[in-house]
Amino acid sequence: MTLLHPPEPARKLSERRGSNASHTYDELDQPAEEVVALAKKIVSNYDTFLLDLDGVLWRGKTALPNAAEAVKYLRFCGKRVFFVSNNSTLSRDQYLEKFEAFDIPAEKEQVFSSSYAASQYVTSLFTGKHDHHKEGPTNPYAPYFLPSGRHEEHSVEHLKERVFVIGQKGLVDEMEEHGVDCLSLDDPDAFTKGLVPNADMLAHLSAQQLGVRAVVVGLDRNFTYLKLAHALRFLQDPSCFFVATNDDASLPSDHDLLLPGAGSIVAAVSTCSGRKPVVLGKPHSTLMDLIKDEVHINPARSIMFGDRIDTDIAFGKRAGLATALVLSGVAGLGQLEEAADAGVRPDYVLKYFGDLLHADKATSDQMHGTAHDEEIEL
């Protein structure tokens, strides 16, 4: 692993940061010339860049230093850039709006979110394009997408099967765009579509009665007991599939507070139903199967950037990619020894993803139409 200063002794995240800790990027003090050398090595060695979003390109509603410029620089250099996120609350169209707000160039086909993975998994499941009995080496509950070219071919077909969704509107929108008929208690017409307003009424409801073939669970900031009770009722049918967009236990907020993640909701559904879900997001293999099927990356020339070791770095490692940890999000230097013990130590550590701009300052200046000689400030 390329690290410019030795890490501090490993400690648990809760011991090192606490609930109101400051950002971790203050931990790494790299001389400018070493940052330049590291950036040059990364840009030279890899052709395909997979980027996590929150903690890498932005943090909450705040852009991280030089992130947008670094994406533009990589594209200017002929690199392929894709965006990989466990956040299921946004559709890809909503992600494009966020990219535009941060002045980050992106196309819809370059966004691989867990909401998009859910739409593709469900459509492939219901159209027979998927082998849900095959088990993967890194996630025994994960499906494998069968090679079928781009899954967009199924997006115009409206499926007769229904899916009960626990999640934000972005997840529903993404799935409905691909022809999935969604039932959600957040829908104003939920009760006219067959859902019930009281858990005691669920005795008169069944998955087969409403045509529900799957329960899809993501982050839901309006999660309720009634939603949990509906999910349990549908999952009592053994033919009904249980799908989780991701199993992140927590997520960072704008104020450095950890908030419950989708995994906490998935755990509630799993506990009451006694069922284990198919998990789609990082670090599980399913999302990488989808990426490889759609864009055919070469692992030897690809690198995954992320701010979390347990999801981003593990995701890249399991797929045989190089990995780079940035200290502008969740993880800090104190976790590196723990990561090494778990076999997921990142290959590179940077303060910011935007540090890649230092790989070729002349090209960066040319790209932006500027020329100046000031020293790099870190």
Protein backbone atom coordinates (compact mmCIF):
# COMPACT_ATOMS: atom_id res chain seq x y z
CA MET A 1 0.00 0.00 0.00
CA THR A 2 1.26 3.44 -0.89
CA LEU A 3 1.13 5.63 2.21
CA LEU A 4 3.30 8.64 2.75
CA HIS A 5 3.33 8.56 6.54
CA PRO A 6 2.95 5.60 8.90
CA PRO A 7 -0.56 5.19 10.36
CA GLU A 8 -1.42 5.86 13.96
CA PRO A 9 -2.06 2.76 16.12
CA ALA A 10 -5.31 1.09 15.10
CA ARG A 11 -8.31 1.76 17.26
CA LYS A 12 -12.00 1.14 16.86
CA LEU A 13 -13.83 3.83 14.93
CA SER A 14 -15.99 4.67 17.92
CA GLU A 15 -12.89 5.18 20.08
CA ARG A 16 -11.03 7.23 17.49
CA ARG A 17 -13.76 9.56 16.30
CA GLY A 18 -16.77 9.61 18.55
CA SER A 19 -20.16 10.89 17.44
CA ASN A 20 -19.08 14.50 16.97
CA ALA A 21 -15.57 14.00 15.58
CA SER A 22 -13.89 16.27 13.06
CA HIS A 23 -13.17 15.25 9.49
CA THR A 24 -10.52 12.58 9.08
CA TYR A 25 -8.58 14.30 6.29
CA ASP A 26 -6.70 16.40 8.85
CA GLU A 27 -4.82 13.24 9.91
CA LEU A 28 -2.66 12.97 6.78
CA ASP A 29 0.14 15.48 6.23
CA GLN A 30 1.73 14.80 2.84
CA PRO A 31 4.60 16.80 1.31
CA ALA A 32 3.59 18.34 -2.00
CA GLU A 33 6.20 16.48 -4.05
CA GLU A 34 4.98 13.13 -2.72
CA VAL A 35 1.38 13.99 -3.53
CA VAL A 36 2.45 14.75 -7.10
CA ALA A 37 4.31 11.43 -7.39
CA LEU A 38 1.38 9.47 -5.99
CA ALA A 39 -1.14 11.20 -8.27
CA LYS A 40 1.05 10.56 -11.33
CA LYS A 41 1.33 6.88 -10.44
CA ILE A 42 -2.43 6.44 -10.10
CA VAL A 43 -3.33 8.32 -13.29
CA SER A 44 -0.65 6.46 -15.25
CA ASN A 45 -1.49 2.96 -13.99
CA TYR A 46 -5.27 2.92 -14.43
CA ASP A 47 -7.72 3.50 -17.28
CA THR A 48 -11.03 3.01 -15.46
CA PHE A 49 -11.98 4.85 -12.27
CA LEU A 50 -14.92 3.76 -10.10
CA LEU A 51 -15.87 6.50 -7.67
CA ASP A 52 -18.00 6.44 -4.56
CA LEU A 53 -19.91 9.70 -4.16
CA ASP A 54 -20.58 11.01 -0.65
CA GLY A 55 -17.23 11.39 1.08
CA VAL A 56 -15.30 11.30 -2.22
CA LEU A 57 -16.88 13.93 -4.51
CA TRP A 58 -18.98 15.73 -1.93
CA ARG A 59 -19.88 15.52 1.73
CA GLY A 60 -23.59 16.06 2.25
CA LYS A 61 -24.33 19.33 0.47
CA THR A 62 -20.71 20.51 0.34
CA ALA A 63 -18.38 19.92 -2.61
CA LEU A 64 -15.00 18.47 -1.68
CA PRO A 65 -11.86 20.30 -2.88
CA ASN A 66 -11.09 19.90 -6.60
CA ALA A 67 -13.39 16.88 -6.95
CA ALA A 68 -15.25 18.18 -9.99
CA GLU A 69 -12.00 19.35 -11.59
CA ALA A 70 -10.40 15.93 -11.00
CA VAL A 71 -13.28 14.16 -12.78
CA LYS A 72 -12.91 16.55 -15.72
CA TYR A 73 -9.16 16.04 -15.72
CA LEU A 74 -9.48 12.24 -15.86
CA ARG A 75 -11.92 12.51 -18.75
CA PHE A 76 -9.59 14.97 -20.50
CA CYS A 77 -6.86 12.32 -20.18
CA GLY A 78 -9.09 9.71 -21.84
CA LYS A 79 -9.94 7.82 -18.67
CA ARG A 80 -13.30 6.13 -18.11
CA VAL A 81 -15.10 7.33 -14.97
CA PHE A 82 -18.08 5.62 -13.38
CA PHE A 83 -20.00 6.48 -10.22
CA VAL A 84 -20.89 3.73 -7.74
CA SER A 85 -23.13 4.43 -4.76
CA ASN A 86 -25.02 2.46 -2.14
CA ASN A 87 -27.44 5.36 -1.70
CA SER A 88 -30.83 4.07 -2.91
CA THR A 89 -32.78 7.23 -2.09
CA LEU A 90 -32.10 8.83 -5.50
CA SER A 91 -32.93 7.71 -9.01
CA ARG A 92 -30.26 8.09 -11.67
CA ASP A 93 -32.10 11.14 -13.01
CA GLN A 94 -31.92 12.69 -9.55
CA TYR A 95 -28.22 11.85 -9.37
CA LEU A 96 -27.68 13.70 -12.66
CA GLU A 97 -29.30 16.79 -11.11
CA LYS A 98 -26.91 16.53 -8.17
CA PHE A 99 -23.90 16.07 -10.45
CA GLU A 100 -24.97 19.17 -12.38
CA ALA A 101 -25.31 21.15 -9.15
CA PHE A 102 -21.72 20.23 -8.26
CA ASP A 103 -20.51 20.89 -11.84
CA ILE A 104 -19.44 17.26 -12.26
CA PRO A 105 -19.80 15.88 -15.81
CA ALA A 106 -21.80 12.66 -15.83
CA GLU A 107 -24.04 10.61 -18.10
CA LYS A 108 -26.88 8.43 -16.91
CA GLU A 109 -25.18 5.24 -18.13
CA GLN A 110 -22.17 6.04 -15.95
CA VAL A 111 -24.18 5.94 -12.70
CA PHE A 112 -24.39 2.61 -10.87
CA SER A 113 -26.45 3.15 -7.75
CA SER A 114 -28.09 0.53 -5.57
CA SER A 115 -31.48 1.84 -6.77
CA TYR A 116 -30.46 1.10 -10.35
CA ALA A 117 -29.12 -2.30 -9.31
CA ALA A 118 -32.48 -3.05 -7.68
CA SER A 119 -34.34 -2.18 -10.88
CA GLN A 120 -32.07 -4.40 -12.95
CA TYR A 121 -32.13 -7.26 -10.47
CA VAL A 122 -35.92 -7.29 -10.26
CA THR A 123 -36.44 -7.05 -14.01
CA SER A 124 -33.92 -9.82 -14.68
CA LEU A 125 -35.52 -11.91 -11.95
CA PHE A 126 -39.05 -11.55 -13.31
CA THR A 127 -38.07 -11.93 -16.98
CA GLY A 128 -36.04 -15.09 -16.39
CA LYS A 129 -32.71 -13.42 -17.22
CA HIS A 130 -31.18 -14.23 -13.88
CA ASP A 131 -30.04 -17.30 -11.98
CA HIS A 132 -31.12 -16.65 -8.39
CA HIS A 133 -30.03 -20.11 -7.25
CA LYS A 134 -26.34 -19.59 -8.00
CA GLU A 135 -24.28 -18.60 -4.97
CA GLY A 136 -21.34 -16.22 -5.09
CA PRO A 137 -18.05 -16.61 -3.22
CA THR A 138 -18.32 -13.29 -1.39
CA ASN A 139 -22.06 -13.08 -0.77
CA PRO A 140 -23.91 -16.39 -0.44
CA TYR A 141 -27.25 -14.64 -0.94
CA ALA A 142 -26.23 -12.58 -3.97
CA PRO A 143 -27.62 -13.27 -7.43
CA TYR A 144 -25.51 -13.31 -10.56
CA PHE A 145 -26.70 -11.30 -13.53
CA LEU A 146 -26.57 -13.55 -16.53
CA PRO A 147 -24.62 -12.12 -19.49
CA SER A 148 -27.29 -10.46 -21.61
CA GLY A 149 -25.73 -7.22 -22.81
CA ARG A 150 -27.23 -4.05 -21.44
CA HIS A 151 -30.20 -4.65 -19.16
CA GLU A 152 -31.90 -1.57 -20.62
CA GLU A 153 -33.61 -3.89 -23.12
CA HIS A 154 -36.12 -4.78 -20.39
CA SER A 155 -36.96 -1.19 -19.46
CA VAL A 156 -39.84 -0.81 -21.92
CA GLU A 157 -41.63 -3.93 -20.75
CA HIS A 158 -44.20 -3.42 -18.00
CA LEU A 159 -43.98 -6.42 -15.69
CA LYS A 160 -47.15 -7.97 -14.33
CA GLU A 161 -45.48 -8.88 -11.04
CA ARG A 162 -45.55 -6.35 -8.22
CA VAL A 163 -42.90 -5.29 -5.72
CA PHE A 164 -43.53 -3.93 -2.25
CA VAL A 165 -40.99 -1.19 -1.62
CA ILE A 166 -39.65 0.18 1.65
CA GLY A 167 -37.58 3.14 0.52
CA GLN A 168 -37.55 6.70 -0.75
CA LYS A 169 -39.28 7.95 -3.88
CA GLY A 170 -36.03 7.79 -5.87
CA LEU A 171 -35.94 4.00 -5.49
CA VAL A 172 -39.55 3.69 -6.62
CA ASP A 173 -38.98 6.04 -9.57
CA GLU A 174 -35.93 4.09 -10.76
CA MET A 175 -37.74 0.77 -10.62
CA GLU A 176 -40.89 2.11 -12.28
CA GLU A 177 -38.76 3.54 -15.09
CA HIS A 178 -37.79 -0.06 -15.87
CA GLY A 179 -41.34 -1.35 -15.87
CA VAL A 180 -41.59 -2.57 -12.28
CA ASP A 181 -45.04 -2.16 -10.71
CA CYS A 182 -44.30 -0.84 -7.20
CA LEU A 183 -46.49 -0.80 -4.13
CA SER A 184 -45.48 1.72 -1.48
CA LEU A 185 -47.23 3.03 1.60
CA ASP A 186 -45.88 6.49 0.68
CA ASP A 187 -48.04 6.44 -2.46
CA PRO A 188 -51.19 8.58 -1.93
CA ASP A 189 -53.14 5.78 -3.66
CA ALA A 190 -51.61 3.00 -1.56
CA PHE A 191 -54.86 1.92 0.04
CA THR A 192 -56.84 1.92 -3.20
CA LYS A 193 -54.12 -0.37 -4.64
CA GLY A 194 -54.69 -2.95 -1.94
CA LEU A 195 -52.43 -2.01 0.98
CA VAL A 196 -54.11 -1.52 4.34
CA PRO A 197 -54.00 1.36 6.87
CA ASN A 198 -53.86 -0.85 9.96
CA ALA A 199 -51.59 -3.78 10.78
CA ASP A 200 -54.53 -5.74 12.23
CA MET A 201 -56.08 -5.78 8.75
CA LEU A 202 -53.12 -7.68 7.25
CA ALA A 203 -54.75 -11.02 8.07
CA HIS A 204 -56.98 -10.43 5.03
CA LEU A 205 -54.01 -9.66 2.77
CA SER A 206 -51.48 -11.92 1.06
CA ALA A 207 -48.62 -11.58 -1.40
CA GLN A 208 -50.39 -13.76 -3.95
CA GLN A 209 -53.60 -11.78 -3.61
CA LEU A 210 -51.83 -8.54 -4.59
CA GLY A 211 -49.38 -10.16 -6.99
CA VAL A 212 -46.38 -9.20 -4.84
CA ARG A 213 -43.38 -11.27 -5.92
CA ALA A 214 -40.67 -9.37 -4.05
CA VAL A 215 -40.05 -7.04 -1.12
CA VAL A 216 -37.32 -4.48 -1.84
CA VAL A 217 -35.85 -2.62 1.13
CA GLY A 218 -33.63 0.48 1.03
CA LEU A 219 -33.05 3.51 3.18
CA ASP A 220 -36.42 4.92 4.23
CA ARG A 221 -36.46 8.07 6.36
CA ASN A 222 -40.19 7.54 6.92
CA PHE A 223 -39.93 3.93 8.05
CA THR A 224 -42.91 2.83 10.16
CA TYR A 225 -44.28 -0.18 11.98
CA LEU A 226 -46.99 -0.47 9.32
CA LYS A 227 -44.36 -0.79 6.57
CA LEU A 228 -42.56 -3.45 8.60
CA ALA A 229 -45.81 -5.33 9.15
CA HIS A 230 -46.61 -5.31 5.41
CA ALA A 231 -43.13 -6.61 4.58
CA LEU A 232 -43.49 -9.41 7.12
CA ARG A 233 -46.89 -10.38 5.72
CA PHE A 234 -45.61 -10.62 2.16
CA LEU A 235 -42.40 -12.46 3.12
CA GLN A 236 -44.42 -15.15 4.88
CA ASP A 237 -44.98 -16.41 1.35
CA PRO A 238 -41.82 -18.45 0.60
CA SER A 239 -42.09 -17.63 -3.11
CA CYS A 240 -41.77 -13.89 -2.39
CA PHE A 241 -38.19 -12.63 -2.80
CA PHE A 242 -36.48 -10.45 -0.20
CA VAL A 243 -34.08 -7.90 -1.76
CA ALA A 244 -31.96 -5.27 0.03
CA THR A 245 -30.41 -2.37 -1.85
CA ASN A 246 -27.51 -2.38 0.63
CA ASP A 247 -26.76 -3.28 4.23
CA ASP A 248 -24.86 -0.22 5.46
CA ALA A 249 -25.49 -0.02 9.19
CA SER A 250 -25.02 3.74 9.35
CA LEU A 251 -24.33 6.79 7.21
CA PRO A 252 -22.61 10.13 7.84
CA SER A 253 -24.54 13.39 8.03
CA ASP A 254 -23.58 16.98 7.27
CA HIS A 255 -22.67 17.54 10.94
CA ASP A 256 -20.39 14.49 11.38
CA LEU A 257 -23.15 12.59 13.15
CA LEU A 258 -23.78 8.97 12.24
CA LEU A 259 -27.38 8.23 11.27
CA PRO A 260 -29.07 4.83 10.80
CA GLY A 261 -28.42 3.36 7.37
CA ALA A 262 -30.48 1.06 5.17
CA GLY A 263 -28.92 -1.94 6.91
CA SER A 264 -30.72 -1.11 10.13
CA ILE A 265 -34.07 -1.27 8.32
CA VAL A 266 -33.07 -4.43 6.44
CA ALA A 267 -32.14 -6.00 9.78
CA ALA A 268 -35.58 -5.21 11.20
CA VAL A 269 -37.31 -6.90 8.25
CA SER A 270 -34.91 -9.85 8.42
CA THR A 271 -35.40 -10.27 12.16
CA CYS A 272 -39.18 -10.36 12.11
CA SER A 273 -39.45 -12.48 8.95
CA GLY A 274 -36.61 -14.90 9.67
CA ARG A 275 -35.50 -14.39 6.05
CA LYS A 276 -32.07 -13.39 4.73
CA PRO A 277 -32.10 -10.92 1.83
CA VAL A 278 -30.30 -10.76 -1.45
CA VAL A 279 -27.97 -7.76 -0.88
CA LEU A 280 -27.16 -5.76 -4.00
CA GLY A 281 -24.84 -2.92 -2.95
CA LYS A 282 -21.18 -2.68 -1.97
CA PRO A 283 -19.26 -4.67 -0.81
CA HIS A 284 -21.28 -7.56 -2.28
CA SER A 285 -20.51 -8.94 -5.71
CA THR A 286 -23.88 -8.31 -7.35
CA LEU A 287 -23.29 -4.65 -8.15
CA MET A 288 -19.88 -5.43 -9.64
CA ASP A 289 -21.46 -8.18 -11.75
CA LEU A 290 -23.80 -5.55 -13.17
CA ILE A 291 -20.97 -3.08 -13.83
CA LYS A 292 -18.84 -5.69 -15.56
CA ASP A 293 -21.80 -6.82 -17.65
CA GLU A 294 -22.58 -3.30 -18.83
CA VAL A 295 -19.16 -1.65 -19.26
CA HIS A 296 -16.73 -4.61 -19.41
CA ILE A 297 -13.94 -3.25 -17.22
CA ASN A 298 -10.45 -4.73 -17.04
CA PRO A 299 -9.76 -5.25 -13.31
CA ALA A 300 -5.99 -4.99 -13.81
CA ARG A 301 -6.36 -1.45 -15.16
CA SER A 302 -9.18 -0.30 -12.87
CA ILE A 303 -9.26 1.38 -9.47
CA MET A 304 -12.00 1.95 -6.89
CA PHE A 305 -12.01 5.19 -4.88
CA GLY A 306 -13.96 5.34 -1.64
CA ASP A 307 -14.08 6.72 1.89
CA ARG A 308 -15.24 3.52 3.63
CA ILE A 309 -13.08 0.45 4.06
CA ASP A 310 -15.91 -1.98 4.85
CA THR A 311 -17.87 -1.13 1.69
CA ASP A 312 -15.82 0.71 -0.96
CA ILE A 313 -12.39 -0.82 -0.41
CA ALA A 314 -13.75 -4.32 0.24
CA PHE A 315 -15.87 -3.98 -2.92
CA GLY A 316 -12.85 -3.17 -5.06
CA LYS A 317 -10.64 -5.82 -3.44
CA ARG A 318 -13.17 -8.59 -3.97
CA ALA A 319 -13.38 -7.72 -7.67
CA GLY A 320 -9.61 -7.69 -8.12
CA LEU A 321 -9.36 -3.92 -8.59
CA ALA A 322 -6.80 -1.58 -7.11
CA THR A 323 -8.24 0.55 -4.32
CA ALA A 324 -7.72 4.07 -3.02
CA LEU A 325 -8.99 5.35 0.31
CA VAL A 326 -9.66 9.08 0.66
CA LEU A 327 -9.74 10.63 4.12
CA SER A 328 -12.49 13.13 3.33
CA GLY A 329 -15.32 10.91 4.54
CA VAL A 330 -15.87 8.15 7.08
CA ALA A 331 -12.63 6.16 7.46
CA GLY A 332 -9.38 7.39 8.96
CA LEU A 333 -5.79 6.26 9.27
CA GLY A 334 -6.53 4.51 12.54
CA GLN A 335 -8.50 1.83 10.69
CA LEU A 336 -5.70 0.74 8.35
CA GLU A 337 -4.23 -1.93 10.59
CA GLU A 338 -7.68 -3.38 11.18
CA ALA A 339 -8.19 -3.36 7.41
CA ALA A 340 -4.89 -5.17 6.90
CA ASP A 341 -5.94 -7.87 9.36
CA ALA A 342 -9.19 -8.28 7.42
CA GLY A 343 -7.40 -8.42 4.07
CA VAL A 344 -8.92 -5.17 2.78
CA ARG A 345 -6.10 -2.68 3.26
CA PRO A 346 -6.26 -0.07 0.47
CA ASP A 347 -3.45 0.17 -2.07
CA TYR A 348 -3.34 3.97 -1.86
CA VAL A 349 -4.34 6.59 0.70
CA LEU A 350 -5.02 10.21 -0.26
CA LYS A 351 -6.34 13.21 1.57
CA TYR A 352 -8.78 14.05 -1.23
CA PHE A 353 -9.80 12.53 -4.54
CA GLY A 354 -9.09 15.98 -5.98
CA ASP A 355 -5.38 15.45 -5.30
CA LEU A 356 -5.24 13.61 -8.64
CA LEU A 357 -5.15 17.04 -10.28
CA HIS A 358 -1.52 17.24 -9.23
CA ALA A 359 -0.56 14.39 -11.58
CA ASP A 360 -0.02 16.78 -14.47
CA LYS A 361 -0.37 20.42 -13.52
CA ALA A 362 0.40 21.64 -17.04
CA THR A 363 -2.38 19.50 -18.55
CA SER A 364 -4.75 20.56 -15.79
CA ASP A 365 -4.01 24.21 -16.50
CA GLN A 366 -4.42 23.66 -20.24
CA MET A 367 -7.78 21.98 -19.68
CA HIS A 368 -9.02 24.97 -17.69
CA GLY A 369 -7.34 27.51 -19.94
CA THR A 370 -5.06 28.79 -17.18
CA ALA A 371 -1.37 28.95 -16.52
CA HIS A 372 0.21 29.77 -13.17
CA ASP A 373 3.19 28.76 -11.09
CA GLU A 374 2.01 28.84 -7.50
CA GLU A 375 2.98 25.96 -5.29
CA ILE A 376 0.59 23.19 -4.42
CA GLU A 377 -1.27 23.89 -1.20
CA LEU A 378 -2.52 20.93 0.81
